[in-house]
PDB file of N, CA and C in Angstrom:
ATOM      1  N   UNK A   1     -14.251 -73.168  12.060  1.00  0.00           N
ATOM      2  CA  UNK A   1     -13.839 -71.873  12.617  1.00  0.00           C
ATOM      3  C   UNK A   1     -14.797 -71.499  13.737  1.00  0.00           C
ATOM      4  N   UNK A   2     -14.224 -70.888  14.778  1.00  0.00           N
ATOM      5  CA  UNK A   2     -15.107 -70.464  15.841  1.00  0.00           C
ATOM      6  C   UNK A   2     -15.723 -69.124  15.533  1.00  0.00           C
ATOM      7  N   UNK A   3     -16.746 -68.751  16.311  1.00  0.00           N
ATOM      8  CA  UNK A   3     -17.494 -67.531  16.022  1.00  0.00           C
ATOM      9  C   UNK A   3     -16.647 -66.277  16.169  1.00  0.00           C
ATOM     10  N   UNK A   4     -15.719 -66.258  17.115  1.00  0.00           N
ATOM     11  CA  UNK A   4     -14.866 -65.091  17.330  1.00  0.00           C
ATOM     12  C   UNK A   4     -13.987 -64.869  16.112  1.00  0.00           C
ATOM     13  N   UNK A   5     -13.417 -65.923  15.585  1.00  0.00           N
ATOM     14  CA  UNK A   5     -12.548 -65.835  14.406  1.00  0.00           C
ATOM     15  C   UNK A   5     -13.341 -65.375  13.187  1.00  0.00           C
ATOM     16  N   UNK A   6     -14.538 -65.930  13.021  1.00  0.00           N
ATOM     17  CA  UNK A   6     -15.388 -65.537  11.895  1.00  0.00           C
ATOM     18  C   UNK A   6     -15.776 -64.071  11.987  1.00  0.00           C
ATOM     19  N   UNK A   7     -16.112 -63.606  13.200  1.00  0.00           N
ATOM     20  CA  UNK A   7     -16.484 -62.215  13.385  1.00  0.00           C
ATOM     21  C   UNK A   7     -15.286 -61.297  13.094  1.00  0.00           C
ATOM     22  N   UNK A   8     -14.101 -61.664  13.540  1.00  0.00           N
ATOM     23  CA  UNK A   8     -12.906 -60.852  13.249  1.00  0.00           C
ATOM     24  C   UNK A   8     -12.633 -60.808  11.760  1.00  0.00           C
ATOM     25  N   UNK A   9     -12.762 -61.934  11.104  1.00  0.00           N
ATOM     26  CA  UNK A   9     -12.551 -61.989   9.661  1.00  0.00           C
ATOM     27  C   UNK A   9     -13.531 -61.086   8.939  1.00  0.00           C
ATOM     28  N   UNK A  10     -14.812 -61.207   9.310  1.00  0.00           N
ATOM     29  CA  UNK A  10     -15.839 -60.384   8.693  1.00  0.00           C
ATOM     30  C   UNK A  10     -15.582 -58.886   8.885  1.00  0.00           C
ATOM     31  N   UNK A  11     -15.213 -58.495  10.118  1.00  0.00           N
ATOM     32  CA  UNK A  11     -14.967 -57.067  10.381  1.00  0.00           C
ATOM     33  C   UNK A  11     -13.755 -56.566   9.614  1.00  0.00           C
ATOM     34  N   UNK A  12     -12.743 -57.400   9.461  1.00  0.00           N
ATOM     35  CA  UNK A  12     -11.570 -56.953   8.725  1.00  0.00           C
ATOM     36  C   UNK A  12     -11.885 -56.770   7.243  1.00  0.00           C
ATOM     37  N   UNK A  13     -12.786 -57.604   6.706  1.00  0.00           N
ATOM     38  CA  UNK A  13     -13.159 -57.456   5.297  1.00  0.00           C
ATOM     39  C   UNK A  13     -14.158 -56.304   5.109  1.00  0.00           C
ATOM     40  N   UNK A  14     -14.963 -56.033   6.103  1.00  0.00           N
ATOM     41  CA  UNK A  14     -15.999 -55.005   5.973  1.00  0.00           C
ATOM     42  C   UNK A  14     -15.452 -53.614   6.255  1.00  0.00           C
ATOM     43  N   UNK A  15     -14.292 -53.503   6.912  1.00  0.00           N
ATOM     44  CA  UNK A  15     -13.744 -52.214   7.258  1.00  0.00           C
ATOM     45  C   UNK A  15     -13.245 -51.533   5.999  1.00  0.00           C
ATOM     46  N   UNK A  16     -13.522 -50.208   5.890  1.00  0.00           N
ATOM     47  CA  UNK A  16     -13.043 -49.497   4.700  1.00  0.00           C
ATOM     48  C   UNK A  16     -11.500 -49.400   4.710  1.00  0.00           C
ATOM     49  N   UNK A  17     -10.919 -49.318   3.547  1.00  0.00           N
ATOM     50  CA  UNK A  17      -9.476 -49.150   3.468  1.00  0.00           C
ATOM     51  C   UNK A  17      -9.123 -47.802   4.053  1.00  0.00           C
ATOM     52  N   UNK A  18      -7.945 -47.682   4.654  1.00  0.00           N
ATOM     53  CA  UNK A  18      -7.550 -46.405   5.217  1.00  0.00           C
ATOM     54  C   UNK A  18      -7.442 -45.345   4.097  1.00  0.00           C
ATOM     55  N   UNK A  19      -7.821 -44.141   4.435  1.00  0.00           N
ATOM     56  CA  UNK A  19      -7.793 -43.047   3.438  1.00  0.00           C
ATOM     57  C   UNK A  19      -6.340 -42.725   3.088  1.00  0.00           C
ATOM     58  N   UNK A  20      -6.123 -42.304   1.856  1.00  0.00           N
ATOM     59  CA  UNK A  20      -4.802 -41.870   1.423  1.00  0.00           C
ATOM     60  C   UNK A  20      -4.471 -40.558   2.118  1.00  0.00           C
ATOM     61  N   UNK A  21      -3.191 -40.302   2.355  1.00  0.00           N
ATOM     62  CA  UNK A  21      -2.795 -39.006   2.916  1.00  0.00           C
ATOM     63  C   UNK A  21      -3.302 -37.852   2.009  1.00  0.00           C
ATOM     64  N   UNK A  22      -3.581 -36.693   2.576  1.00  0.00           N
ATOM     65  CA  UNK A  22      -4.117 -35.571   1.810  1.00  0.00           C
ATOM     66  C   UNK A  22      -3.306 -35.174   0.585  1.00  0.00           C
ATOM     67  N   UNK A  23      -1.991 -35.224   0.678  1.00  0.00           N
ATOM     68  CA  UNK A  23      -1.185 -34.860  -0.483  1.00  0.00           C
ATOM     69  C   UNK A  23      -1.398 -35.798  -1.619  1.00  0.00           C
ATOM     70  N   UNK A  24      -1.509 -37.093  -1.297  1.00  0.00           N
ATOM     71  CA  UNK A  24      -1.777 -38.105  -2.332  1.00  0.00           C
ATOM     72  C   UNK A  24      -3.180 -37.909  -2.907  1.00  0.00           C
ATOM     73  N   UNK A  25      -4.129 -37.592  -2.071  1.00  0.00           N
ATOM     74  CA  UNK A  25      -5.505 -37.330  -2.540  1.00  0.00           C
ATOM     75  C   UNK A  25      -5.519 -36.177  -3.509  1.00  0.00           C
ATOM     76  N   UNK A  26      -4.690 -35.157  -3.280  1.00  0.00           N
ATOM     77  CA  UNK A  26      -4.613 -33.985  -4.153  1.00  0.00           C
ATOM     78  C   UNK A  26      -4.120 -34.416  -5.544  1.00  0.00           C
ATOM     79  N   UNK A  27      -3.141 -35.298  -5.588  1.00  0.00           N
ATOM     80  CA  UNK A  27      -2.611 -35.767  -6.868  1.00  0.00           C
ATOM     81  C   UNK A  27      -3.662 -36.600  -7.597  1.00  0.00           C
ATOM     82  N   UNK A  28      -4.375 -37.435  -6.885  1.00  0.00           N
ATOM     83  CA  UNK A  28      -5.451 -38.217  -7.505  1.00  0.00           C
ATOM     84  C   UNK A  28      -6.516 -37.270  -8.088  1.00  0.00           C
ATOM     85  N   UNK A  29      -6.939 -36.253  -7.302  1.00  0.00           N
ATOM     86  CA  UNK A  29      -7.943 -35.299  -7.784  1.00  0.00           C
ATOM     87  C   UNK A  29      -7.411 -34.553  -8.998  1.00  0.00           C
ATOM     88  N   UNK A  30      -6.110 -34.210  -9.011  1.00  0.00           N
ATOM     89  CA  UNK A  30      -5.531 -33.518 -10.155  1.00  0.00           C
ATOM     90  C   UNK A  30      -5.733 -34.329 -11.451  1.00  0.00           C
ATOM     91  N   UNK A  31      -5.357 -35.595 -11.426  1.00  0.00           N
ATOM     92  CA  UNK A  31      -5.476 -36.392 -12.630  1.00  0.00           C
ATOM     93  C   UNK A  31      -6.951 -36.636 -12.990  1.00  0.00           C
ATOM     94  N   UNK A  32      -7.822 -36.738 -12.005  1.00  0.00           N
ATOM     95  CA  UNK A  32      -9.256 -36.835 -12.304  1.00  0.00           C
ATOM     96  C   UNK A  32      -9.752 -35.567 -13.000  1.00  0.00           C
ATOM     97  N   UNK A  33      -9.281 -34.427 -12.518  1.00  0.00           N
ATOM     98  CA  UNK A  33      -9.701 -33.131 -13.099  1.00  0.00           C
ATOM     99  C   UNK A  33      -9.146 -32.981 -14.495  1.00  0.00           C
ATOM    100  N   UNK A  34      -7.938 -33.441 -14.759  1.00  0.00           N
ATOM    101  CA  UNK A  34      -7.411 -33.403 -16.116  1.00  0.00           C
ATOM    102  C   UNK A  34      -8.297 -34.244 -17.043  1.00  0.00           C
ATOM    103  N   UNK A  35      -8.647 -35.427 -16.588  1.00  0.00           N
ATOM    104  CA  UNK A  35      -9.500 -36.301 -17.423  1.00  0.00           C
ATOM    105  C   UNK A  35     -10.850 -35.676 -17.687  1.00  0.00           C
ATOM    106  N   UNK A  36     -11.394 -34.947 -16.674  1.00  0.00           N
ATOM    107  CA  UNK A  36     -12.693 -34.332 -16.839  1.00  0.00           C
ATOM    108  C   UNK A  36     -12.627 -32.964 -17.507  1.00  0.00           C
ATOM    109  N   UNK A  37     -11.404 -32.433 -17.671  1.00  0.00           N
ATOM    110  CA  UNK A  37     -11.277 -31.063 -18.218  1.00  0.00           C
ATOM    111  C   UNK A  37     -11.799 -30.019 -17.270  1.00  0.00           C
ATOM    112  N   UNK A  38     -11.685 -30.282 -15.979  1.00  0.00           N
ATOM    113  CA  UNK A  38     -12.238 -29.426 -14.910  1.00  0.00           C
ATOM    114  C   UNK A  38     -11.205 -28.382 -14.495  1.00  0.00           C
ATOM    115  N   UNK A  39     -11.164 -27.267 -15.198  1.00  0.00           N
ATOM    116  CA  UNK A  39     -10.162 -26.224 -14.951  1.00  0.00           C
ATOM    117  C   UNK A  39     -10.348 -25.543 -13.619  1.00  0.00           C
ATOM    118  N   UNK A  40     -11.574 -25.439 -13.124  1.00  0.00           N
ATOM    119  CA  UNK A  40     -11.801 -24.824 -11.810  1.00  0.00           C
ATOM    120  C   UNK A  40     -11.069 -25.622 -10.732  1.00  0.00           C
ATOM    121  N   UNK A  41     -11.181 -26.928 -10.775  1.00  0.00           N
ATOM    122  CA  UNK A  41     -10.516 -27.784  -9.789  1.00  0.00           C
ATOM    123  C   UNK A  41      -9.016 -27.716 -10.003  1.00  0.00           C
ATOM    124  N   UNK A  42      -8.551 -27.766 -11.259  1.00  0.00           N
ATOM    125  CA  UNK A  42      -7.128 -27.716 -11.547  1.00  0.00           C
ATOM    126  C   UNK A  42      -6.481 -26.422 -11.046  1.00  0.00           C
ATOM    127  N   UNK A  43      -7.189 -25.306 -11.229  1.00  0.00           N
ATOM    128  CA  UNK A  43      -6.633 -24.030 -10.735  1.00  0.00           C
ATOM    129  C   UNK A  43      -6.517 -24.052  -9.210  1.00  0.00           C
ATOM    130  N   UNK A  44      -7.461 -24.683  -8.522  1.00  0.00           N
ATOM    131  CA  UNK A  44      -7.433 -24.774  -7.064  1.00  0.00           C
ATOM    132  C   UNK A  44      -6.342 -25.705  -6.562  1.00  0.00           C
ATOM    133  N   UNK A  45      -5.930 -26.659  -7.389  1.00  0.00           N
ATOM    134  CA  UNK A  45      -4.976 -27.693  -6.975  1.00  0.00           C
ATOM    135  C   UNK A  45      -3.530 -27.396  -7.366  1.00  0.00           C
ATOM    136  N   UNK A  46      -3.302 -26.377  -8.195  1.00  0.00           N
ATOM    137  CA  UNK A  46      -1.960 -26.187  -8.752  1.00  0.00           C
ATOM    138  C   UNK A  46      -1.426 -24.775  -8.455  1.00  0.00           C
ATOM    139  N   UNK A  47      -0.114 -24.624  -8.624  1.00  0.00           N
ATOM    140  CA  UNK A  47       0.515 -23.349  -8.412  1.00  0.00           C
ATOM    141  C   UNK A  47       1.091 -22.751  -9.693  1.00  0.00           C
ATOM    142  N   UNK A  48       1.355 -23.571 -10.709  1.00  0.00           N
ATOM    143  CA  UNK A  48       2.044 -23.092 -11.908  1.00  0.00           C
ATOM    144  C   UNK A  48       1.136 -22.228 -12.771  1.00  0.00           C
ATOM    145  N   UNK A  49       1.691 -21.198 -13.373  1.00  0.00           N
ATOM    146  CA  UNK A  49       0.958 -20.233 -14.165  1.00  0.00           C
ATOM    147  C   UNK A  49       0.235 -20.892 -15.358  1.00  0.00           C
ATOM    148  N   UNK A  50       0.789 -21.992 -15.925  1.00  0.00           N
ATOM    149  CA  UNK A  50       0.131 -22.618 -17.048  1.00  0.00           C
ATOM    150  C   UNK A  50      -1.265 -23.101 -16.672  1.00  0.00           C
ATOM    151  N   UNK A  51      -1.416 -23.597 -15.462  1.00  0.00           N
ATOM    152  CA  UNK A  51      -2.706 -24.053 -15.001  1.00  0.00           C
ATOM    153  C   UNK A  51      -3.620 -22.900 -14.656  1.00  0.00           C
ATOM    154  N   UNK A  52      -3.023 -21.838 -14.151  1.00  0.00           N
ATOM    155  CA  UNK A  52      -3.821 -20.664 -13.763  1.00  0.00           C
ATOM    156  C   UNK A  52      -4.292 -19.871 -14.983  1.00  0.00           C
ATOM    157  N   UNK A  53      -3.422 -19.714 -15.968  1.00  0.00           N
ATOM    158  CA  UNK A  53      -3.699 -18.828 -17.107  1.00  0.00           C
ATOM    159  C   UNK A  53      -4.130 -19.562 -18.385  1.00  0.00           C
ATOM    160  N   UNK A  54      -3.638 -20.777 -18.548  1.00  0.00           N
ATOM    161  CA  UNK A  54      -3.919 -21.491 -19.842  1.00  0.00           C
ATOM    162  C   UNK A  54      -4.341 -22.930 -19.552  1.00  0.00           C
ATOM    163  N   UNK A  55      -5.289 -23.088 -18.675  1.00  0.00           N
ATOM    164  CA  UNK A  55      -5.703 -24.428 -18.253  1.00  0.00           C
ATOM    165  C   UNK A  55      -6.159 -25.278 -19.413  1.00  0.00           C
ATOM    166  N   UNK A  56      -7.025 -24.761 -20.252  1.00  0.00           N
ATOM    167  CA  UNK A  56      -7.581 -25.560 -21.350  1.00  0.00           C
ATOM    168  C   UNK A  56      -6.453 -26.071 -22.235  1.00  0.00           C
ATOM    169  N   UNK A  57      -5.483 -25.222 -22.547  1.00  0.00           N
ATOM    170  CA  UNK A  57      -4.338 -25.647 -23.377  1.00  0.00           C
ATOM    171  C   UNK A  57      -3.510 -26.708 -22.641  1.00  0.00           C
ATOM    172  N   UNK A  58      -3.311 -26.549 -21.354  1.00  0.00           N
ATOM    173  CA  UNK A  58      -2.517 -27.514 -20.585  1.00  0.00           C
ATOM    174  C   UNK A  58      -3.201 -28.869 -20.548  1.00  0.00           C
ATOM    175  N   UNK A  59      -4.522 -28.864 -20.363  1.00  0.00           N
ATOM    176  CA  UNK A  59      -5.290 -30.110 -20.377  1.00  0.00           C
ATOM    177  C   UNK A  59      -5.169 -30.773 -21.750  1.00  0.00           C
ATOM    178  N   UNK A  60      -5.314 -29.986 -22.817  1.00  0.00           N
ATOM    179  CA  UNK A  60      -5.185 -30.560 -24.192  1.00  0.00           C
ATOM    180  C   UNK A  60      -3.810 -31.166 -24.392  1.00  0.00           C
ATOM    181  N   UNK A  61      -2.780 -30.504 -23.894  1.00  0.00           N
ATOM    182  CA  UNK A  61      -1.402 -31.007 -24.016  1.00  0.00           C
ATOM    183  C   UNK A  61      -1.269 -32.353 -23.284  1.00  0.00           C
ATOM    184  N   UNK A  62      -1.787 -32.434 -22.070  1.00  0.00           N
ATOM    185  CA  UNK A  62      -1.689 -33.715 -21.339  1.00  0.00           C
ATOM    186  C   UNK A  62      -2.481 -34.808 -22.040  1.00  0.00           C
ATOM    187  N   UNK A  63      -3.650 -34.450 -22.582  1.00  0.00           N
ATOM    188  CA  UNK A  63      -4.425 -35.453 -23.286  1.00  0.00           C
ATOM    189  C   UNK A  63      -3.758 -35.902 -24.582  1.00  0.00           C
ATOM    190  N   UNK A  64      -3.101 -34.967 -25.261  1.00  0.00           N
ATOM    191  CA  UNK A  64      -2.402 -35.302 -26.510  1.00  0.00           C
ATOM    192  C   UNK A  64      -1.270 -36.311 -26.281  1.00  0.00           C
ATOM    193  N   UNK A  65      -0.730 -36.336 -25.069  1.00  0.00           N
ATOM    194  CA  UNK A  65       0.314 -37.254 -24.726  1.00  0.00           C
ATOM    195  C   UNK A  65      -0.201 -38.453 -23.924  1.00  0.00           C
ATOM    196  N   UNK A  66      -1.535 -38.567 -23.886  1.00  0.00           N
ATOM    197  CA  UNK A  66      -2.197 -39.693 -23.196  1.00  0.00           C
ATOM    198  C   UNK A  66      -1.670 -39.814 -21.728  1.00  0.00           C
ATOM    199  N   UNK A  67      -1.582 -38.679 -21.086  1.00  0.00           N
ATOM    200  CA  UNK A  67      -1.050 -38.606 -19.703  1.00  0.00           C
ATOM    201  C   UNK A  67      -2.153 -38.986 -18.738  1.00  0.00           C
ATOM    202  N   UNK A  68      -1.885 -40.015 -17.931  1.00  0.00           N
ATOM    203  CA  UNK A  68      -2.854 -40.438 -16.947  1.00  0.00           C
ATOM    204  C   UNK A  68      -2.168 -41.108 -15.770  1.00  0.00           C
ATOM    205  N   UNK A  69      -2.805 -41.038 -14.626  1.00  0.00           N
ATOM    206  CA  UNK A  69      -2.263 -41.637 -13.408  1.00  0.00           C
ATOM    207  C   UNK A  69      -2.454 -43.145 -13.434  1.00  0.00           C
ATOM    208  N   UNK A  70      -1.382 -43.893 -13.146  1.00  0.00           N
ATOM    209  CA  UNK A  70      -1.480 -45.334 -13.047  1.00  0.00           C
ATOM    210  C   UNK A  70      -1.568 -45.756 -11.586  1.00  0.00           C
ATOM    211  N   UNK A  71      -0.759 -45.106 -10.743  1.00  0.00           N
ATOM    212  CA  UNK A  71      -0.751 -45.471  -9.315  1.00  0.00           C
ATOM    213  C   UNK A  71       0.019 -44.443  -8.509  1.00  0.00           C
ATOM    214  N   UNK A  72      -0.317 -44.375  -7.266  1.00  0.00           N
ATOM    215  CA  UNK A  72       0.465 -43.603  -6.284  1.00  0.00           C
ATOM    216  C   UNK A  72       1.328 -44.606  -5.525  1.00  0.00           C
ATOM    217  N   UNK A  73       2.642 -44.369  -5.504  1.00  0.00           N
ATOM    218  CA  UNK A  73       3.546 -45.289  -4.840  1.00  0.00           C
ATOM    219  C   UNK A  73       3.977 -44.772  -3.480  1.00  0.00           C
ATOM    220  N   UNK A  74       3.275 -43.808  -2.949  1.00  0.00           N
ATOM    221  CA  UNK A  74       3.571 -43.319  -1.602  1.00  0.00           C
ATOM    222  C   UNK A  74       3.994 -41.885  -1.589  1.00  0.00           C
ATOM    223  N   UNK A  75       4.236 -41.394  -0.419  1.00  0.00           N
ATOM    224  CA  UNK A  75       4.707 -40.010  -0.250  1.00  0.00           C
ATOM    225  C   UNK A  75       5.562 -39.915   1.007  1.00  0.00           C
ATOM    226  N   UNK A  76       6.350 -38.857   1.065  1.00  0.00           N
ATOM    227  CA  UNK A  76       7.226 -38.605   2.226  1.00  0.00           C
ATOM    228  C   UNK A  76       7.499 -37.118   2.311  1.00  0.00           C
ATOM    229  N   UNK A  77       7.867 -36.631   3.500  1.00  0.00           N
ATOM    230  CA  UNK A  77       8.188 -35.200   3.619  1.00  0.00           C
ATOM    231  C   UNK A  77       9.424 -34.875   2.782  1.00  0.00           C
ATOM    232  N   UNK A  78       9.416 -33.676   2.206  1.00  0.00           N
ATOM    233  CA  UNK A  78      10.554 -33.161   1.478  1.00  0.00           C
ATOM    234  C   UNK A  78      11.619 -32.749   2.503  1.00  0.00           C
ATOM    235  N   UNK A  79      12.845 -33.238   2.310  1.00  0.00           N
ATOM    236  CA  UNK A  79      13.905 -32.909   3.247  1.00  0.00           C
ATOM    237  C   UNK A  79      14.261 -31.462   3.318  1.00  0.00           C
ATOM    238  N   UNK A  80      13.975 -30.709   2.280  1.00  0.00           N
ATOM    239  CA  UNK A  80      14.254 -29.281   2.245  1.00  0.00           C
ATOM    240  C   UNK A  80      13.179 -28.452   2.899  1.00  0.00           C
ATOM    241  N   UNK A  81      11.950 -28.963   2.898  1.00  0.00           N
ATOM    242  CA  UNK A  81      10.806 -28.258   3.462  1.00  0.00           C
ATOM    243  C   UNK A  81       9.846 -29.305   4.034  1.00  0.00           C
ATOM    244  N   UNK A  82       9.916 -29.572   5.330  1.00  0.00           N
ATOM    245  CA  UNK A  82       9.130 -30.659   5.925  1.00  0.00           C
ATOM    246  C   UNK A  82       7.609 -30.499   5.722  1.00  0.00           C
ATOM    247  N   UNK A  83       7.108 -29.310   5.465  1.00  0.00           N
ATOM    248  CA  UNK A  83       5.685 -29.124   5.246  1.00  0.00           C
ATOM    249  C   UNK A  83       5.270 -29.647   3.876  1.00  0.00           C
ATOM    250  N   UNK A  84       6.209 -29.721   2.968  1.00  0.00           N
ATOM    251  CA  UNK A  84       5.955 -30.191   1.616  1.00  0.00           C
ATOM    252  C   UNK A  84       6.062 -31.709   1.577  1.00  0.00           C
ATOM    253  N   UNK A  85       5.099 -32.364   0.917  1.00  0.00           N
ATOM    254  CA  UNK A  85       5.154 -33.794   0.738  1.00  0.00           C
ATOM    255  C   UNK A  85       5.596 -34.098  -0.708  1.00  0.00           C
ATOM    256  N   UNK A  86       6.456 -35.059  -0.887  1.00  0.00           N
ATOM    257  CA  UNK A  86       6.842 -35.512  -2.208  1.00  0.00           C
ATOM    258  C   UNK A  86       6.053 -36.783  -2.507  1.00  0.00           C
ATOM    259  N   UNK A  87       5.175 -36.706  -3.497  1.00  0.00           N
ATOM    260  CA  UNK A  87       4.307 -37.822  -3.847  1.00  0.00           C
ATOM    261  C   UNK A  87       4.897 -38.513  -5.067  1.00  0.00           C
ATOM    262  N   UNK A  88       5.107 -39.819  -4.963  1.00  0.00           N
ATOM    263  CA  UNK A  88       5.607 -40.635  -6.049  1.00  0.00           C
ATOM    264  C   UNK A  88       4.402 -41.178  -6.827  1.00  0.00           C
ATOM    265  N   UNK A  89       4.290 -40.773  -8.089  1.00  0.00           N
ATOM    266  CA  UNK A  89       3.154 -41.154  -8.911  1.00  0.00           C
ATOM    267  C   UNK A  89       3.689 -41.858 -10.170  1.00  0.00           C
ATOM    268  N   UNK A  90       3.128 -43.038 -10.435  1.00  0.00           N
ATOM    269  CA  UNK A  90       3.438 -43.692 -11.707  1.00  0.00           C
ATOM    270  C   UNK A  90       2.409 -43.186 -12.730  1.00  0.00           C
ATOM    271  N   UNK A  91       2.938 -42.618 -13.806  1.00  0.00           N
ATOM    272  CA  UNK A  91       2.129 -41.925 -14.789  1.00  0.00           C
ATOM    273  C   UNK A  91       2.397 -42.485 -16.156  1.00  0.00           C
ATOM    274  N   UNK A  92       1.316 -42.712 -16.927  1.00  0.00           N
ATOM    275  CA  UNK A  92       1.475 -43.075 -18.337  1.00  0.00           C
ATOM    276  C   UNK A  92       1.569 -41.759 -19.104  1.00  0.00           C
ATOM    277  N   UNK A  93       2.606 -41.653 -19.942  1.00  0.00           N
ATOM    278  CA  UNK A  93       2.818 -40.436 -20.718  1.00  0.00           C
ATOM    279  C   UNK A  93       3.547 -40.821 -21.992  1.00  0.00           C
ATOM    280  N   UNK A  94       2.952 -40.462 -23.111  1.00  0.00           N
ATOM    281  CA  UNK A  94       3.580 -40.718 -24.446  1.00  0.00           C
ATOM    282  C   UNK A  94       4.046 -42.150 -24.602  1.00  0.00           C
ATOM    283  N   UNK A  95       3.161 -43.080 -24.467  1.00  0.00           N
ATOM    284  CA  UNK A  95       3.418 -44.497 -24.767  1.00  0.00           C
ATOM    285  C   UNK A  95       4.335 -45.181 -23.732  1.00  0.00           C
ATOM    286  N   UNK A  96       4.508 -44.618 -22.591  1.00  0.00           N
ATOM    287  CA  UNK A  96       5.353 -45.278 -21.603  1.00  0.00           C
ATOM    288  C   UNK A  96       4.965 -44.911 -20.170  1.00  0.00           C
ATOM    289  N   UNK A  97       5.493 -45.702 -19.265  1.00  0.00           N
ATOM    290  CA  UNK A  97       5.271 -45.436 -17.858  1.00  0.00           C
ATOM    291  C   UNK A  97       6.454 -44.686 -17.277  1.00  0.00           C
ATOM    292  N   UNK A  98       6.168 -43.636 -16.515  1.00  0.00           N
ATOM    293  CA  UNK A  98       7.222 -42.815 -15.928  1.00  0.00           C
ATOM    294  C   UNK A  98       6.910 -42.568 -14.475  1.00  0.00           C
ATOM    295  N   UNK A  99       7.930 -42.364 -13.687  1.00  0.00           N
ATOM    296  CA  UNK A  99       7.759 -42.006 -12.291  1.00  0.00           C
ATOM    297  C   UNK A  99       7.849 -40.490 -12.166  1.00  0.00           C
ATOM    298  N   UNK A 100       6.810 -39.914 -11.651  1.00  0.00           N
ATOM    299  CA  UNK A 100       6.791 -38.459 -11.404  1.00  0.00           C
ATOM    300  C   UNK A 100       6.876 -38.257  -9.912  1.00  0.00           C
ATOM    301  N   UNK A 101       7.737 -37.341  -9.510  1.00  0.00           N
ATOM    302  CA  UNK A 101       7.878 -36.933  -8.131  1.00  0.00           C
ATOM    303  C   UNK A 101       7.263 -35.556  -8.011  1.00  0.00           C
ATOM    304  N   UNK A 102       6.111 -35.467  -7.381  1.00  0.00           N
ATOM    305  CA  UNK A 102       5.339 -34.240  -7.319  1.00  0.00           C
ATOM    306  C   UNK A 102       5.421 -33.621  -5.939  1.00  0.00           C
ATOM    307  N   UNK A 103       5.813 -32.341  -5.884  1.00  0.00           N
ATOM    308  CA  UNK A 103       5.839 -31.612  -4.620  1.00  0.00           C
ATOM    309  C   UNK A 103       4.441 -31.065  -4.354  1.00  0.00           C
ATOM    310  N   UNK A 104       3.920 -31.403  -3.183  1.00  0.00           N
ATOM    311  CA  UNK A 104       2.557 -30.991  -2.805  1.00  0.00           C
ATOM    312  C   UNK A 104       2.666 -30.256  -1.471  1.00  0.00           C
ATOM    313  N   UNK A 105       2.158 -29.025  -1.472  1.00  0.00           N
ATOM    314  CA  UNK A 105       2.285 -28.148  -0.267  1.00  0.00           C
ATOM    315  C   UNK A 105       0.910 -27.848   0.334  1.00  0.00           C
ATOM    316  N   UNK A 106       0.872 -27.764   1.673  1.00  0.00           N
ATOM    317  CA  UNK A 106      -0.390 -27.365   2.305  1.00  0.00           C
ATOM    318  C   UNK A 106      -0.656 -25.902   1.969  1.00  0.00           C
ATOM    319  N   UNK A 107      -1.938 -25.597   1.735  1.00  0.00           N
ATOM    320  CA  UNK A 107      -2.372 -24.238   1.475  1.00  0.00           C
ATOM    321  C   UNK A 107      -3.681 -24.049   2.239  1.00  0.00           C
ATOM    322  N   UNK A 108      -3.558 -23.608   3.473  1.00  0.00           N
ATOM    323  CA  UNK A 108      -4.749 -23.518   4.288  1.00  0.00           C
ATOM    324  C   UNK A 108      -5.279 -24.926   4.610  1.00  0.00           C
ATOM    325  N   UNK A 109      -6.533 -25.135   4.306  1.00  0.00           N
ATOM    326  CA  UNK A 109      -7.159 -26.445   4.578  1.00  0.00           C
ATOM    327  C   UNK A 109      -6.985 -27.416   3.418  1.00  0.00           C
ATOM    328  N   UNK A 110      -6.345 -26.978   2.316  1.00  0.00           N
ATOM    329  CA  UNK A 110      -6.189 -27.839   1.169  1.00  0.00           C
ATOM    330  C   UNK A 110      -4.710 -28.033   0.850  1.00  0.00           C
ATOM    331  N   UNK A 111      -4.429 -28.713  -0.234  1.00  0.00           N
ATOM    332  CA  UNK A 111      -3.078 -28.971  -0.702  1.00  0.00           C
ATOM    333  C   UNK A 111      -2.969 -28.542  -2.161  1.00  0.00           C
ATOM    334  N   UNK A 112      -1.793 -28.010  -2.523  1.00  0.00           N
ATOM    335  CA  UNK A 112      -1.546 -27.553  -3.912  1.00  0.00           C
ATOM    336  C   UNK A 112      -0.304 -28.225  -4.449  1.00  0.00           C
ATOM    337  N   UNK A 113      -0.396 -28.623  -5.722  1.00  0.00           N
ATOM    338  CA  UNK A 113       0.687 -29.330  -6.410  1.00  0.00           C
ATOM    339  C   UNK A 113       1.519 -28.300  -7.138  1.00  0.00           C
ATOM    340  N   UNK A 114       2.833 -28.397  -6.993  1.00  0.00           N
ATOM    341  CA  UNK A 114       3.723 -27.473  -7.712  1.00  0.00           C
ATOM    342  C   UNK A 114       3.980 -28.064  -9.101  1.00  0.00           C
ATOM    343  N   UNK A 115       2.966 -27.967  -9.904  1.00  0.00           N
ATOM    344  CA  UNK A 115       3.082 -28.454 -11.281  1.00  0.00           C
ATOM    345  C   UNK A 115       2.482 -27.423 -12.213  1.00  0.00           C
TER     346      UNK A 115
END
């Protein structure tokens, strides 16, 4: 191999992977916060009253069903509201894998999940 090809190969391997879109990052942080029982983060990431008013119980419910993120399969704008992103998440829940379609909306400088 010539030096130019080796340099290009090295740079491609050394380059960090591109960052996930912000809506997908919000979904990842949501599941990390559920795992950690971090209600402060969950309240900042969600819109539903259960997370705002009864976070500890909601976390316990998700843990009781062994709910966890397996993968993000991408996101796209919601056709009804282009500002909203629909994030496709593969989630383990109650002994099986399920596809969750999560609506994630911009809220100032952050994103909030309608869950």
